[in-house]
Protein backbone atom coordinates (compact mmCIF):
# COMPACT_ATOMS: atom_id res chain seq x y z
CA UNK A 1 -3.33 187.43 -31.80
CA UNK A 2 -3.77 183.92 -33.21
CA UNK A 3 -5.06 181.16 -30.96
CA UNK A 4 -4.57 177.56 -32.01
CA UNK A 5 -4.72 174.13 -30.43
CA UNK A 6 -2.48 171.12 -30.87
CA UNK A 7 -3.00 167.62 -29.52
CA UNK A 8 -0.20 166.46 -27.23
CA UNK A 9 1.03 163.04 -28.33
CA UNK A 10 4.74 163.11 -27.48
CA UNK A 11 5.48 165.11 -24.34
CA UNK A 12 9.03 166.32 -23.95
CA UNK A 13 11.15 168.09 -21.36
CA UNK A 14 10.03 171.54 -22.58
CA UNK A 15 6.35 170.64 -22.11
CA UNK A 16 7.06 169.33 -18.62
CA UNK A 17 9.02 172.42 -17.67
CA UNK A 18 6.00 174.60 -18.53
CA UNK A 19 3.40 172.24 -17.00
CA UNK A 20 5.41 171.99 -13.76
CA UNK A 21 5.74 175.77 -13.60
CA UNK A 22 1.95 176.09 -13.85
CA UNK A 23 1.37 173.28 -11.31
CA UNK A 24 3.47 175.18 -8.78
CA UNK A 25 2.35 178.74 -9.53
CA UNK A 26 0.84 179.95 -6.25
CA UNK A 27 -1.79 181.99 -8.12
CA UNK A 28 -2.92 178.91 -10.10
CA UNK A 29 -2.65 176.08 -7.57
CA UNK A 30 -5.92 176.93 -5.78
CA UNK A 31 -7.73 176.94 -9.15
CA UNK A 32 -6.35 173.82 -10.82
CA UNK A 33 -6.06 171.12 -8.18
CA UNK A 34 -8.06 170.15 -5.10
CA UNK A 35 -6.14 170.63 -1.87
CA UNK A 36 -7.42 168.88 1.26
CA UNK A 37 -5.41 171.16 3.57
CA UNK A 38 -2.86 173.98 3.78
CA UNK A 39 0.08 171.60 3.44
CA UNK A 40 -1.26 170.22 0.16
CA UNK A 41 -1.92 173.74 -1.11
CA UNK A 42 1.71 174.68 -0.45
CA UNK A 43 3.19 171.42 -1.77
CA UNK A 44 5.45 171.61 -4.82
CA UNK A 45 4.85 168.89 -7.43
CA UNK A 46 6.97 167.71 -10.33
CA UNK A 47 5.72 165.55 -13.19
CA UNK A 48 8.13 163.70 -15.43
CA UNK A 49 7.88 163.01 -19.15
CA UNK A 50 7.25 159.33 -18.37
CA UNK A 51 4.42 160.21 -15.97
CA UNK A 52 2.89 162.44 -18.65
CA UNK A 53 3.11 159.58 -21.17
CA UNK A 54 1.20 157.40 -18.69
CA UNK A 55 -1.41 160.13 -18.30
CA UNK A 56 -1.88 160.14 -22.08
CA UNK A 57 -2.97 156.49 -21.92
CA UNK A 58 -6.31 157.58 -20.41
CA UNK A 59 -6.50 161.30 -21.16
CA UNK A 60 -6.64 163.35 -24.36
CA UNK A 61 -4.63 166.56 -23.97
CA UNK A 62 -4.59 169.62 -26.22
CA UNK A 63 -2.07 172.42 -25.91
CA UNK A 64 -3.28 176.01 -26.21
CA UNK A 65 -1.06 178.44 -28.10
CA UNK A 66 -1.28 182.20 -28.43
CA UNK A 67 0.68 182.94 -31.58
CA UNK A 68 3.66 180.60 -31.04
CA UNK A 69 3.68 180.61 -27.23
CA UNK A 70 2.27 177.74 -25.18
CA UNK A 71 -0.16 179.41 -22.76
CA UNK A 72 -2.39 176.59 -21.54
CA UNK A 73 -3.73 173.09 -21.82
CA UNK A 74 -7.09 171.39 -21.86
CA UNK A 75 -7.97 167.75 -21.57
CA UNK A 76 -10.67 165.15 -21.27
CA UNK A 77 -11.11 161.65 -19.91
CA UNK A 78 -13.91 159.26 -20.76
CA UNK A 79 -16.06 157.84 -17.95
CA UNK A 80 -13.63 158.41 -15.06
CA UNK A 81 -14.59 157.05 -11.62
CA UNK A 82 -14.87 160.56 -10.10
CA UNK A 83 -17.90 161.60 -12.19
CA UNK A 84 -20.77 162.81 -10.03
CA UNK A 85 -23.25 161.19 -12.42
CA UNK A 86 -22.01 157.86 -13.71
CA UNK A 87 -23.47 158.20 -17.21
CA UNK A 88 -21.79 156.07 -19.88
CA UNK A 89 -20.20 158.14 -22.63
CA UNK A 90 -19.30 161.14 -20.43
CA UNK A 91 -16.21 163.26 -20.95
CA UNK A 92 -14.67 164.85 -17.86
CA UNK A 93 -12.91 168.07 -18.89
CA UNK A 94 -10.25 170.33 -17.45
CA UNK A 95 -8.59 173.51 -18.65
CA UNK A 96 -5.66 175.59 -17.44
CA UNK A 97 -4.70 178.95 -18.91
CA UNK A 98 -1.26 178.98 -17.34
CA UNK A 99 0.20 182.19 -18.73
CA UNK A 100 -1.19 185.56 -17.57
CA UNK A 101 -1.23 187.00 -21.11
CA UNK A 102 -3.75 184.29 -22.06
CA UNK A 103 -6.33 185.22 -19.44
CA UNK A 104 -9.30 187.53 -19.87
CA UNK A 105 -9.15 187.50 -23.68
CA UNK A 106 -11.79 184.90 -24.51
CA UNK A 107 -9.21 182.17 -25.09
CA UNK A 108 -10.81 179.88 -22.51
CA UNK A 109 -14.13 180.29 -24.31
CA UNK A 110 -12.57 179.35 -27.66
CA UNK A 111 -10.68 176.46 -26.08
CA UNK A 112 -13.76 174.91 -24.47
CA UNK A 113 -15.72 175.22 -27.73
CA UNK A 114 -12.88 173.43 -29.54
CA UNK A 115 -12.78 170.73 -26.85
CA UNK A 116 -16.55 170.22 -27.07
CA UNK A 117 -16.25 169.64 -30.83
CA UNK A 118 -13.49 167.09 -30.27
CA UNK A 119 -15.61 165.31 -27.67
CA UNK A 120 -18.64 165.23 -29.95
CA UNK A 121 -16.50 163.91 -32.83
CA UNK A 122 -15.31 161.15 -30.50
CA UNK A 123 -18.93 160.02 -30.20
CA UNK A 124 -19.53 161.28 -26.67
CA UNK A 125 -22.65 163.26 -25.82
CA UNK A 126 -22.22 164.40 -22.21
CA UNK A 127 -19.60 166.54 -20.50
CA UNK A 128 -19.09 166.93 -16.77
CA UNK A 129 -16.66 169.18 -14.91
CA UNK A 130 -15.86 170.47 -11.46
CA UNK A 131 -15.18 174.09 -10.60
CA UNK A 132 -14.28 175.36 -7.16
CA UNK A 133 -16.85 177.54 -5.43
CA UNK A 134 -14.56 180.59 -5.23
CA UNK A 135 -13.67 180.52 -8.96
CA UNK A 136 -16.35 182.95 -10.13
CA UNK A 137 -14.67 183.67 -13.46
CA UNK A 138 -14.67 179.99 -14.48
CA UNK A 139 -18.25 179.51 -13.29
CA UNK A 140 -19.33 182.46 -15.43
CA UNK A 141 -17.54 181.01 -18.47
CA UNK A 142 -19.14 177.58 -18.08
CA UNK A 143 -22.62 179.03 -17.59
CA UNK A 144 -22.14 181.22 -20.68
CA UNK A 145 -21.28 178.05 -22.62
CA UNK A 146 -24.46 176.32 -21.42
CA UNK A 147 -23.23 174.21 -18.49
CA UNK A 148 -25.74 173.59 -15.70
CA UNK A 149 -24.98 172.95 -12.04
CA UNK A 150 -25.86 169.41 -10.95
CA UNK A 151 -24.29 169.14 -7.48
CA UNK A 152 -22.05 170.66 -4.83
CA UNK A 153 -19.52 168.57 -2.98
CA UNK A 154 -18.88 170.05 0.47
CA UNK A 155 -15.39 170.55 1.94
CA UNK A 156 -13.67 169.63 -1.30
CA UNK A 157 -10.71 172.00 -1.41
CA UNK A 158 -8.76 174.22 0.96
CA UNK A 159 -7.98 177.88 0.18
CA UNK A 160 -7.76 181.12 2.18
CA UNK A 161 -7.99 179.31 5.52
CA UNK A 162 -11.23 177.51 4.78
CA UNK A 163 -12.76 174.59 2.93
CA UNK A 164 -14.81 175.18 -0.23
CA UNK A 165 -17.34 173.29 -2.34
CA UNK A 166 -16.62 171.70 -5.69
CA UNK A 167 -19.46 172.66 -8.01
CA UNK A 168 -20.22 169.94 -10.55
CA UNK A 169 -21.66 171.01 -13.88
CA UNK A 170 -22.82 169.18 -16.99
CA UNK A 171 -23.68 169.81 -20.60
CA UNK A 172 -25.05 167.60 -23.34
CA UNK A 173 -23.47 168.11 -26.77
């Protein structure tokens, strides 16, 4: 089992096919995007190659491979407006392990460590992220990596017939 990471610079149809599958996987949707209500939770989304190219103008994306199979992606943005703490030089991170065979094997741990090194090399010293209240596995991972809770945003996402908090966490690198 060899895990490696590759920066996405030229998205193509194959990337979008995989990303769109993950974005519409009913087991992943509650974990990877905020949903203000049941309709949003059930909504199917499709991103095009051109939309992904636009996303790359303000976001650095790395693909996660297990052997030769694309199993996930991770990304960061610098100083986005949705930071809880508006601290200059902050990277907002996100990660999706889209394929089931990539989960529960420590790949997320390796991926975040890689992403932190990239962020530090870019001259940034603070990372912030959001994790939904019900995502215990992700919270455990972030705490294990040294992230500290800084806030809870009430009624942030809908899942299982109720609204949940978004837990904001930070780490200095």
